[in-house]
Amino acid sequence: MKKMNMFWFRRDLRLEDNAGLYHALKSGKNVQPIFIFDIDILSKLNDPKDARVTFLHDTLNTLNQQLVDLGSSLIVKYGKPLEIWKELLNKHSIGGVYTNRDYEPYALKRDQSIKDLLKAKDIAFHTFKDHVIFEKDEVLKKDDTPYVVFTPYSRVWKAKLETKMVKEGSKKLSYYFQSYPTEKYFSNFAKAKTKSKIPSLKSMGFERSDQEIFSKEVPRSIIKKYTEQRNFPAINGTSKLGIHFRFGTISIRKKARAAQLLNDTYLSELIWRDFYSSILSHFPHVVKGPFREKYKWIEWRTDKKDFQKWCDGQTGYPIVDAGMRELNATGFMHNRVRMIVASFLTKHLLIDWSWGEAYFAEKLLDFDLASNSGGWQWAAGCGTDAAPYFRIFNPESQMKKFDSKHIYIKKWVPEFGTDAYAEPMVDHKFARERCLATYKAGLDRDA
């Protein structure tokens, strides 16, 4: 039996400009693409109508059809990856396995087990960078230690782009923004006589969600005006591309290249993705605890009723409630509002940031472990941010500054301004003083 290579799709669900797929197709052997619905990941999802699973299922159907149009087909399996690979090894003559790297702790452990399995069969496991522009060891200090503050990291990140410049037509482009011309090698996909079937949502314990998914086509005008509009939740001023970056239905290189030309502020948002990915890779303890470990002594309140009010958008602070209701209804929350609601939970209510991080992980369509953990710890003051812990957002001031006409608030809190609206669950001045005292006590305990 003639050997073929396999390409394992994970967080890179596209045929175009796909690093690992490009190398697989260029390898000289026919390439059979596969995807595995990982039962270890899906079993942790609580909502049978989780919109992310529906999005994933629809995306795979589209991808499969694209492959069918090329004379190939996508093998889709459901189960434990190690068991699936044992099954594939018994059924197919595999020369090598190609995939793009995933940097989350679970993924690293999973990939090592697959690598070991393949190695025992003398099959190479080829991995490539595709999900980020720069991996953890590509942007380091002069002493080869990682940056733990964003601004200097960002400065070196941008400078590194200039270290390798290549010609693209009449222009010069950073080597790191180059596209991978996978389409040149599409003829190398393994041929299929029939279209393979994708496991149904029902067979995996899920139901179809009707939640709207934002388009991956973003008007250039939004990116051009991003600096001026990004902080105002009533304006359609952000790209809403998070879920597409999460599952790789768009190329980070393509978007970074466009951002460099159109808006430096938007480019910085993409740099944050790399930064938090680097932090997770260098400091995996951030998954379960604070980046700054001395903050582990903070005495958080464990008031489940207060937490539920925050979850339900019933805090009595309009911009906080609007944000939480938007999240619950759509799986999305505006970036500025994410910071406000996170600050409110951790500083005003003194509830552990990990509770909020877990809630966001369950609800956000664009949930990404590195960015979610990083953002929540930034808000709680225990993360990489250089600012001191006593920065506490005033929800009233934030509302006046970023939603002064209450357009966003009235959309999500229709009872705002009436007797039906909840009273503030905690006084801002009291909450601020309580927070400062609690944080100081926790940090003094560590000293």
Protein backbone atom coordinates (compact mmCIF):
# COMPACT_ATOMS: atom_id res chain seq x y z
CA MET A 1 0.00 0.00 0.00
CA LYS A 2 1.36 3.39 -1.01
CA LYS A 3 2.08 5.61 1.99
CA MET A 4 0.41 8.97 2.35
CA ASN A 5 0.82 11.87 4.76
CA MET A 6 -1.94 13.07 7.02
CA PHE A 7 -2.76 16.64 7.95
CA TRP A 8 -4.50 17.08 11.29
CA PHE A 9 -6.74 20.15 11.42
CA ARG A 10 -7.23 21.69 14.87
CA ARG A 11 -7.31 25.47 15.36
CA ASP A 12 -6.62 26.21 11.68
CA LEU A 13 -9.82 25.42 9.84
CA ARG A 14 -9.03 26.80 6.39
CA LEU A 15 -7.28 25.64 3.25
CA GLU A 16 -5.69 28.98 2.36
CA ASP A 17 -2.49 30.30 3.97
CA ASN A 18 -2.20 27.36 6.34
CA ALA A 19 1.42 26.72 7.36
CA GLY A 20 1.22 23.05 8.33
CA LEU A 21 -1.05 22.17 5.44
CA TYR A 22 1.31 23.91 3.01
CA HIS A 23 4.27 21.82 4.21
CA ALA A 24 2.20 18.63 4.11
CA LEU A 25 1.03 19.25 0.54
CA LYS A 26 4.53 20.20 -0.56
CA SER A 27 6.05 17.04 0.94
CA GLY A 28 5.62 14.98 -2.21
CA LYS A 29 3.13 12.43 -0.86
CA ASN A 30 -0.63 12.55 -1.15
CA VAL A 31 -2.24 14.22 1.85
CA GLN A 32 -5.33 13.00 3.70
CA PRO A 33 -6.82 15.73 5.93
CA ILE A 34 -8.50 14.76 9.20
CA PHE A 35 -10.23 16.41 12.15
CA ILE A 36 -11.01 14.92 15.57
CA PHE A 37 -13.89 16.04 17.77
CA ASP A 38 -12.06 15.58 21.06
CA ILE A 39 -14.35 13.99 23.62
CA ASP A 40 -12.05 15.16 26.44
CA ILE A 41 -12.77 18.78 25.42
CA LEU A 42 -16.44 18.42 24.46
CA SER A 43 -17.32 16.59 27.67
CA LYS A 44 -16.41 19.70 29.67
CA LEU A 45 -19.02 21.84 27.89
CA ASN A 46 -22.21 22.26 29.91
CA ASP A 47 -24.60 23.62 27.29
CA PRO A 48 -25.90 21.08 24.73
CA LYS A 49 -26.60 24.06 22.46
CA ASP A 50 -23.08 25.47 22.78
CA ALA A 51 -22.80 27.76 19.74
CA ARG A 52 -19.09 27.04 19.39
CA VAL A 53 -19.78 23.39 18.64
CA THR A 54 -22.38 24.34 16.03
CA PHE A 55 -19.92 26.79 14.48
CA LEU A 56 -17.25 24.11 14.44
CA HIS A 57 -19.62 21.59 12.87
CA ASP A 58 -20.74 24.04 10.17
CA THR A 59 -17.15 25.06 9.45
CA LEU A 60 -16.12 21.42 9.00
CA ASN A 61 -19.01 20.83 6.61
CA THR A 62 -17.85 23.80 4.54
CA LEU A 63 -14.24 22.60 4.66
CA ASN A 64 -15.28 19.10 3.63
CA GLN A 65 -17.22 20.45 0.66
CA GLN A 66 -14.21 22.48 -0.44
CA LEU A 67 -12.14 19.30 -0.33
CA VAL A 68 -14.79 17.33 -2.22
CA ASP A 69 -14.68 20.01 -4.93
CA LEU A 70 -10.95 19.28 -5.15
CA GLY A 71 -11.58 15.54 -5.47
CA SER A 72 -10.69 14.78 -1.86
CA SER A 73 -12.58 14.50 1.44
CA LEU A 74 -12.15 15.28 5.13
CA ILE A 75 -12.05 12.39 7.60
CA VAL A 76 -13.85 13.50 10.78
CA LYS A 77 -13.77 11.39 13.94
CA TYR A 78 -15.25 11.71 17.43
CA GLY A 79 -13.47 10.26 20.45
CA LYS A 80 -10.19 10.37 22.34
CA PRO A 81 -7.35 11.51 20.04
CA LEU A 82 -4.92 8.78 21.11
CA GLU A 83 -7.50 6.05 20.43
CA ILE A 84 -8.46 7.64 17.11
CA TRP A 85 -4.84 7.71 15.99
CA LYS A 86 -4.37 4.06 16.90
CA GLU A 87 -7.40 3.31 14.72
CA LEU A 88 -6.03 5.41 11.84
CA LEU A 89 -2.64 3.70 12.03
CA ASN A 90 -4.31 0.30 11.69
CA LYS A 91 -6.41 1.39 8.74
CA HIS A 92 -4.01 3.55 6.70
CA SER A 93 -0.41 3.40 5.54
CA ILE A 94 0.89 6.68 6.96
CA GLY A 95 4.23 8.20 6.01
CA GLY A 96 4.06 11.25 8.26
CA VAL A 97 1.64 13.42 10.24
CA TYR A 98 1.57 17.19 9.83
CA THR A 99 -0.19 19.70 12.05
CA ASN A 100 0.02 23.23 13.43
CA ARG A 101 1.13 23.81 16.99
CA ASP A 102 -1.30 24.41 19.85
CA TYR A 103 0.17 25.96 23.00
CA GLU A 104 -2.39 25.18 25.69
CA PRO A 105 -1.28 22.73 28.43
CA TYR A 106 -3.85 20.07 27.52
CA ALA A 107 -2.90 20.29 23.83
CA LEU A 108 0.81 19.96 24.60
CA LYS A 109 0.19 16.83 26.66
CA ARG A 110 -2.12 15.39 23.99
CA ASP A 111 0.36 16.07 21.19
CA GLN A 112 3.21 14.48 23.11
CA SER A 113 1.19 11.28 23.50
CA ILE A 114 0.48 11.24 19.74
CA LYS A 115 4.12 11.95 18.95
CA ASP A 116 5.20 9.04 21.16
CA LEU A 117 2.68 6.74 19.49
CA LEU A 118 3.88 7.69 16.01
CA LYS A 119 7.54 7.47 16.98
CA ALA A 120 7.03 3.86 18.07
CA LYS A 121 5.87 3.20 14.49
CA ASP A 122 8.78 5.20 13.05
CA ILE A 123 6.41 7.89 11.76
CA ALA A 124 7.43 11.54 11.96
CA PHE A 125 5.20 14.12 13.65
CA HIS A 126 5.76 17.50 11.95
CA THR A 127 4.46 20.62 13.69
CA PHE A 128 4.42 24.23 12.48
CA LYS A 129 3.68 27.75 13.69
CA ASP A 130 0.37 29.07 12.40
CA HIS A 131 -1.77 30.37 15.28
CA VAL A 132 0.52 33.27 16.22
CA ILE A 133 3.01 35.56 14.51
CA PHE A 134 5.74 34.93 17.09
CA GLU A 135 6.01 31.97 19.42
CA LYS A 136 7.22 32.07 23.01
CA ASP A 137 10.97 32.05 22.35
CA GLU A 138 10.95 34.39 19.35
CA VAL A 139 10.46 37.61 21.34
CA LEU A 140 12.75 37.58 24.38
CA LYS A 141 14.88 39.99 26.39
CA LYS A 142 18.60 40.21 25.68
CA ASP A 143 19.23 37.72 28.49
CA ASP A 144 16.81 35.25 26.82
CA THR A 145 14.16 35.60 29.51
CA PRO A 146 10.54 36.33 28.59
CA TYR A 147 8.96 39.75 28.67
CA VAL A 148 6.27 40.00 31.34
CA VAL A 149 5.11 43.55 30.55
CA PHE A 150 3.27 44.25 27.31
CA THR A 151 4.76 47.58 26.17
CA PRO A 152 8.42 46.48 25.87
CA TYR A 153 7.25 43.15 24.42
CA SER A 154 5.24 45.01 21.80
CA ARG A 155 8.21 47.23 20.93
CA VAL A 156 10.51 44.26 20.32
CA TRP A 157 7.71 42.36 18.51
CA LYS A 158 7.39 45.20 16.00
CA ALA A 159 11.17 45.57 15.64
CA LYS A 160 11.50 41.88 14.87
CA LEU A 161 9.27 42.31 11.83
CA GLU A 162 11.97 44.46 10.26
CA THR A 163 14.75 41.90 10.77
CA LYS A 164 13.57 39.82 7.81
CA MET A 165 12.13 41.67 4.86
CA VAL A 166 11.20 40.04 1.56
CA LYS A 167 9.97 41.32 -1.76
CA GLU A 168 6.36 40.79 -2.72
CA GLY A 169 5.86 42.31 -6.14
CA SER A 170 7.00 45.90 -5.99
CA LYS A 171 6.70 46.10 -2.20
CA LYS A 172 8.75 44.90 0.73
CA LEU A 173 7.00 42.80 3.31
CA SER A 174 8.05 41.29 6.62
CA TYR A 175 8.96 37.62 6.20
CA TYR A 176 6.73 36.89 9.19
CA PHE A 177 3.64 38.19 7.39
CA GLN A 178 4.13 36.09 4.26
CA SER A 179 1.28 33.87 3.11
CA TYR A 180 1.69 30.16 2.47
CA PRO A 181 0.52 29.46 -1.11
CA THR A 182 -1.25 26.19 -0.35
CA GLU A 183 -3.37 26.49 -3.50
CA LYS A 184 -0.31 25.67 -5.62
CA TYR A 185 -0.36 22.13 -4.25
CA PHE A 186 -4.07 21.34 -3.95
CA SER A 187 -3.61 18.54 -6.50
CA ASN A 188 -1.67 16.64 -3.82
CA PHE A 189 -4.74 16.00 -1.65
CA ALA A 190 -5.56 12.30 -1.45
CA LYS A 191 -8.36 11.38 -3.84
CA ALA A 192 -11.68 10.15 -2.47
CA LYS A 193 -14.41 8.25 -4.26
CA THR A 194 -17.14 9.32 -1.86
CA LYS A 195 -17.75 12.27 0.48
CA SER A 196 -17.00 11.28 4.05
CA LYS A 197 -19.68 11.73 6.70
CA ILE A 198 -19.24 14.07 9.62
CA PRO A 199 -20.58 12.86 12.99
CA SER A 200 -23.89 14.55 13.74
CA LEU A 201 -24.25 17.01 16.60
CA LYS A 202 -26.81 14.67 18.15
CA SER A 203 -24.42 11.71 18.09
CA MET A 204 -21.96 13.79 20.14
CA GLY A 205 -24.59 14.91 22.66
CA PHE A 206 -25.24 18.38 21.23
CA GLU A 207 -28.09 20.25 19.60
CA ARG A 208 -27.98 22.93 16.96
CA SER A 209 -27.61 26.49 18.25
CA ASP A 210 -29.27 29.40 16.49
CA GLN A 211 -26.88 31.95 17.99
CA GLU A 212 -25.56 34.42 15.45
CA ILE A 213 -21.89 34.17 14.47
CA PHE A 214 -20.15 37.33 13.34
CA SER A 215 -18.85 37.39 9.79
CA LYS A 216 -15.15 37.07 9.08
CA GLU A 217 -15.53 39.77 6.44
CA VAL A 218 -14.84 43.08 8.19
CA PRO A 219 -15.22 46.45 6.43
CA ARG A 220 -11.87 48.22 6.12
CA SER A 221 -13.55 51.33 7.54
CA ILE A 222 -13.93 49.64 10.94
CA ILE A 223 -10.21 48.91 11.14
CA LYS A 224 -9.30 52.40 9.87
CA LYS A 225 -11.45 54.04 12.58
CA TYR A 226 -10.60 51.47 15.24
CA THR A 227 -8.52 53.84 17.40
CA GLU A 228 -11.32 56.39 17.69
CA GLN A 229 -14.27 54.01 17.98
CA ARG A 230 -13.09 50.88 19.76
CA ASN A 231 -14.01 52.00 23.30
CA PHE A 232 -17.65 52.84 22.63
CA PRO A 233 -19.90 49.77 22.91
CA ALA A 234 -22.86 51.43 21.17
CA ILE A 235 -20.77 51.83 18.00
CA ASN A 236 -19.99 48.98 15.64
CA GLY A 237 -16.30 49.80 16.00
CA THR A 238 -14.54 46.47 16.60
CA SER A 239 -13.84 43.57 14.24
CA LYS A 240 -15.61 40.83 16.27
CA LEU A 241 -13.19 38.35 14.71
CA GLY A 242 -12.38 36.54 17.96
CA ILE A 243 -14.11 33.25 17.13
CA HIS A 244 -12.42 33.18 13.72
CA PHE A 245 -8.99 33.67 15.29
CA ARG A 246 -9.87 31.03 17.89
CA PHE A 247 -10.63 28.36 15.31
CA GLY A 248 -8.32 29.60 12.59
CA THR A 249 -10.95 30.24 9.94
CA ILE A 250 -8.87 33.30 9.08
CA SER A 251 -5.11 33.75 8.83
CA ILE A 252 -3.45 35.78 11.58
CA ARG A 253 -0.73 36.73 9.08
CA LYS A 254 -3.23 38.15 6.63
CA LYS A 255 -4.98 40.21 9.30
CA ALA A 256 -1.74 41.43 10.87
CA ARG A 257 -0.49 42.50 7.45
CA ALA A 258 -3.68 44.48 6.86
CA ALA A 259 -3.59 45.97 10.36
CA GLN A 260 -0.02 47.18 9.86
CA LEU A 261 -1.20 49.14 6.85
CA LEU A 262 -4.50 50.38 8.26
CA ASN A 263 -4.31 50.90 12.03
CA ASP A 264 -1.51 50.49 14.55
CA THR A 265 -3.94 50.27 17.48
CA TYR A 266 -5.62 47.25 15.92
CA LEU A 267 -2.21 45.70 15.27
CA SER A 268 -1.51 46.08 19.00
CA GLU A 269 -4.61 44.02 19.76
CA LEU A 270 -3.14 41.21 17.67
CA ILE A 271 0.17 41.60 19.49
CA TRP A 272 -1.70 41.08 22.78
CA ARG A 273 -2.69 37.62 21.47
CA ASP A 274 0.96 36.70 20.98
CA PHE A 275 1.90 38.22 24.34
CA TYR A 276 -0.64 36.23 26.32
CA SER A 277 0.23 33.08 24.37
CA SER A 278 3.86 33.64 25.36
CA ILE A 279 2.91 34.18 29.00
CA LEU A 280 0.91 30.93 29.04
CA SER A 281 3.79 29.04 27.42
CA HIS A 282 6.44 30.36 29.82
CA PHE A 283 4.27 30.42 32.95
CA PRO A 284 1.69 27.61 32.69
CA HIS A 285 0.77 28.11 36.34
CA VAL A 286 -1.48 31.01 35.18
CA VAL A 287 -4.11 28.44 34.17
CA LYS A 288 -4.88 27.69 37.81
CA GLY A 289 -3.37 30.57 39.77
CA PRO A 290 -2.22 34.18 39.60
CA PHE A 291 0.76 35.15 37.47
CA ARG A 292 2.09 37.13 40.43
CA GLU A 293 2.02 34.35 42.97
CA LYS A 294 2.05 36.67 46.00
CA TYR A 295 -1.59 37.46 45.14
CA LYS A 296 -2.61 33.95 46.16
CA TRP A 297 -3.08 35.29 49.70
CA ILE A 298 -5.95 37.61 48.75
CA GLU A 299 -9.00 36.65 50.84
CA TRP A 300 -11.70 36.52 48.20
CA ARG A 301 -15.37 36.55 49.12
CA THR A 302 -17.18 33.35 48.18
CA ASP A 303 -20.67 34.82 47.99
CA LYS A 304 -22.51 32.73 45.39
CA LYS A 305 -25.59 34.98 45.48
CA ASP A 306 -23.52 38.05 44.64
CA PHE A 307 -21.75 36.13 41.91
CA GLN A 308 -25.10 35.07 40.43
CA LYS A 309 -26.30 38.69 40.37
CA TRP A 310 -23.18 39.57 38.41
CA CYS A 311 -23.74 36.64 36.03
CA ASP A 312 -27.36 37.65 35.46
CA GLY A 313 -26.64 41.34 34.96
CA GLN A 314 -28.52 42.41 38.10
CA THR A 315 -25.83 44.40 39.93
CA GLY A 316 -27.55 47.78 39.76
CA TYR A 317 -24.63 49.22 37.79
CA PRO A 318 -26.00 49.75 34.26
CA ILE A 319 -22.86 49.29 32.18
CA VAL A 320 -21.93 46.13 34.11
CA ASP A 321 -25.42 44.70 33.69
CA ALA A 322 -25.55 45.59 29.99
CA GLY A 323 -22.27 43.79 29.41
CA MET A 324 -23.32 40.64 31.22
CA ARG A 325 -26.69 40.51 29.46
CA GLU A 326 -25.01 41.02 26.09
CA LEU A 327 -22.70 38.10 26.89
CA ASN A 328 -25.53 35.83 28.00
CA ALA A 329 -27.63 36.62 24.95
CA THR A 330 -24.98 36.65 22.22
CA GLY A 331 -21.78 34.97 23.42
CA PHE A 332 -20.00 38.28 22.82
CA MET A 333 -19.07 41.26 24.96
CA HIS A 334 -17.49 44.51 23.89
CA ASN A 335 -13.79 44.74 24.83
CA ARG A 336 -14.06 47.88 26.97
CA VAL A 337 -17.02 46.42 28.81
CA ARG A 338 -15.11 43.18 29.45
CA MET A 339 -12.61 45.19 31.47
CA ILE A 340 -15.36 46.98 33.39
CA VAL A 341 -17.31 43.85 34.36
CA ALA A 342 -14.10 42.01 35.31
CA SER A 343 -12.96 44.90 37.48
CA PHE A 344 -16.38 45.05 39.13
CA LEU A 345 -16.38 41.35 40.02
CA THR A 346 -12.84 41.29 41.37
CA LYS A 347 -12.60 44.75 42.95
CA HIS A 348 -16.16 45.77 43.89
CA LEU A 349 -17.44 42.33 44.86
CA LEU A 350 -14.04 40.88 45.83
CA ILE A 351 -14.89 37.60 44.13
CA ASP A 352 -12.03 35.47 42.84
CA TRP A 353 -11.05 36.31 39.26
CA SER A 354 -11.04 32.59 38.45
CA TRP A 355 -14.83 32.46 38.93
CA GLY A 356 -15.27 35.14 36.30
CA GLU A 357 -12.67 33.56 34.03
CA ALA A 358 -14.55 30.25 34.15
CA TYR A 359 -17.87 31.98 33.38
CA PHE A 360 -16.37 33.73 30.38
CA ALA A 361 -14.84 30.44 29.24
CA GLU A 362 -18.31 28.91 29.26
CA LYS A 363 -20.09 31.79 27.53
CA LEU A 364 -17.67 33.52 25.15
CA LEU A 365 -17.75 32.39 21.55
CA ASP A 366 -14.20 33.65 21.16
CA PHE A 367 -12.89 32.02 24.35
CA ASP A 368 -9.14 31.55 24.20
CA LEU A 369 -7.41 30.22 27.31
CA ALA A 370 -4.31 32.42 27.11
CA SER A 371 -6.17 35.67 26.42
CA ASN A 372 -9.01 34.96 28.84
CA SER A 373 -6.68 34.13 31.72
CA GLY A 374 -4.45 37.08 30.87
CA GLY A 375 -7.33 39.54 30.64
CA TRP A 376 -8.93 38.46 33.89
CA GLN A 377 -5.67 38.60 35.80
CA TRP A 378 -4.99 42.05 34.31
CA ALA A 379 -8.34 43.21 35.67
CA ALA A 380 -7.74 41.60 39.06
CA GLY A 381 -4.29 43.17 39.35
CA CYS A 382 -2.52 39.85 39.78
CA GLY A 383 -1.39 39.44 36.17
CA THR A 384 1.29 40.90 33.93
CA ASP A 385 0.08 44.50 34.02
CA ALA A 386 2.67 46.96 35.28
CA ALA A 387 -0.01 49.17 36.89
CA PRO A 388 -0.57 48.73 40.65
CA TYR A 389 -3.49 46.75 42.01
CA PHE A 390 -5.27 49.87 43.28
CA ARG A 391 -6.52 50.82 39.82
CA ILE A 392 -10.25 50.31 40.30
CA PHE A 393 -12.68 51.25 37.53
CA ASN A 394 -15.61 53.41 38.61
CA PRO A 395 -18.58 51.93 36.66
CA GLU A 396 -20.43 55.26 36.76
CA SER A 397 -17.47 57.14 35.31
CA GLN A 398 -16.95 54.48 32.67
CA MET A 399 -20.61 54.74 31.66
CA LYS A 400 -20.46 58.54 31.37
CA LYS A 401 -17.25 58.36 29.36
CA PHE A 402 -18.10 55.54 26.96
CA ASP A 403 -21.92 55.38 26.82
CA SER A 404 -23.01 58.87 27.85
CA LYS A 405 -26.29 58.69 25.88
CA HIS A 406 -27.07 55.25 27.32
CA ILE A 407 -27.62 53.74 23.88
CA TYR A 408 -25.77 50.51 24.70
CA ILE A 409 -27.26 50.32 28.19
CA LYS A 410 -30.87 50.78 27.04
CA LYS A 411 -30.41 48.09 24.41
CA TRP A 412 -29.54 45.47 27.02
CA VAL A 413 -31.15 46.91 30.18
CA PRO A 414 -34.55 48.13 28.99
CA GLU A 415 -35.76 48.77 32.56
CA PHE A 416 -32.88 51.22 33.15
CA GLY A 417 -34.24 54.49 34.55
CA THR A 418 -37.42 52.91 35.92
CA ASP A 419 -38.41 51.65 39.36
CA ALA A 420 -38.03 48.12 38.04
CA TYR A 421 -34.25 48.47 37.78
CA ALA A 422 -32.16 46.94 40.56
CA GLU A 423 -30.54 49.08 43.25
CA PRO A 424 -26.71 49.07 43.26
CA MET A 425 -25.68 45.96 45.16
CA VAL A 426 -22.67 47.69 46.69
CA ASP A 427 -21.60 51.31 47.19
CA HIS A 428 -18.63 52.29 45.02
CA LYS A 429 -16.72 54.17 47.74
CA PHE A 430 -17.23 51.37 50.28
CA ALA A 431 -16.24 48.71 47.73
CA ARG A 432 -13.10 50.61 46.75
CA GLU A 433 -11.93 50.99 50.36
CA ARG A 434 -12.74 47.34 51.15
CA CYS A 435 -10.81 46.20 48.08
CA LEU A 436 -7.71 48.26 48.91
CA ALA A 437 -7.68 47.00 52.49
CA THR A 438 -8.17 43.37 51.46
CA TYR A 439 -5.46 43.46 48.81
CA LYS A 440 -3.03 45.19 51.17
CA ALA A 441 -3.65 42.59 53.86
CA GLY A 442 -3.08 39.75 51.41
CA LEU A 443 0.14 41.23 50.05
CA ASP A 444 1.41 42.08 53.56
CA ARG A 445 0.87 38.43 54.48
CA ASP A 446 3.17 37.40 51.63
CA ALA A 447 5.88 39.90 52.60
